[in-house]
Amino acid sequence: MPGGTQVQIGATLLHSNVLFMKKQICISGFFLIALFSTKLSTAQSHCNPKDSIAIRKVINEFNDAWTAKDAVRYAAVFANDADWENAFGGHKRSRDSIQKTYQKLMSQFTTAEETITGIHVFCMSPDFALVDIYQTVDGQKLPKSGKLVPTRHLRMSDVYQKINGKWQVKVHRVTDLRERGQNQNNVNQTDSTKNN
């Protein structure tokens, strides 16, 4: 039955080739889906011009209010139910509690010079954007001792939400950025506060 063996081998090879082709088609399909998804997410990462301008206005008001030491203006850029956290773990929820905390913080920043070194805006959807603001702070004082803090390099990462057609800060996080191997921004924890 040599002919039967050849048919069986031929059928096995044909089955192997079909499986190989199915795998190739699946891999190609996954590749195309991944490519298409990447194209979509890349296209969605750019804000439309109207939203881009509106978001930049909120960023400017946030910074202007901070510089002017105006707690009411500062809090006004936040959503009513905003979530706020600073680099020292101070955590507040609501525009009112953010405003009260801001008033307490101002004594630490009366001699501080703050310089924005970069702003990145990433629109995640028509109603949500991630905003990273990079900043250098010189001359900040510790709340209890009044000692000057070494120069700080910060990143404020905010989630902006369009609420009733108006962009507002929904989530605010401050992170101290440290160079690898240096502790220049570490402060005495007994002197730090959960308010800065």
Foldseek 3Di string as FASTA:
>chain_A
DVVVVVVVVVVVVVVVVVVVVVVVVVVVVVVVVVVVVVVVQVVQFDADPVVVVQVVVLVVQCVVCLVVLPLVSNLVQADQQAWEFEALGQIDTGSVVSSVLSNVQVVQPPQKDKDWDDWDWTRRHNFKIKIKIWMKIFQGAQDPPRDGQHIWIKIWIFIWGQDPNHTGTRYIYIHTDDDPPDPSRDDDVVRHDRRD
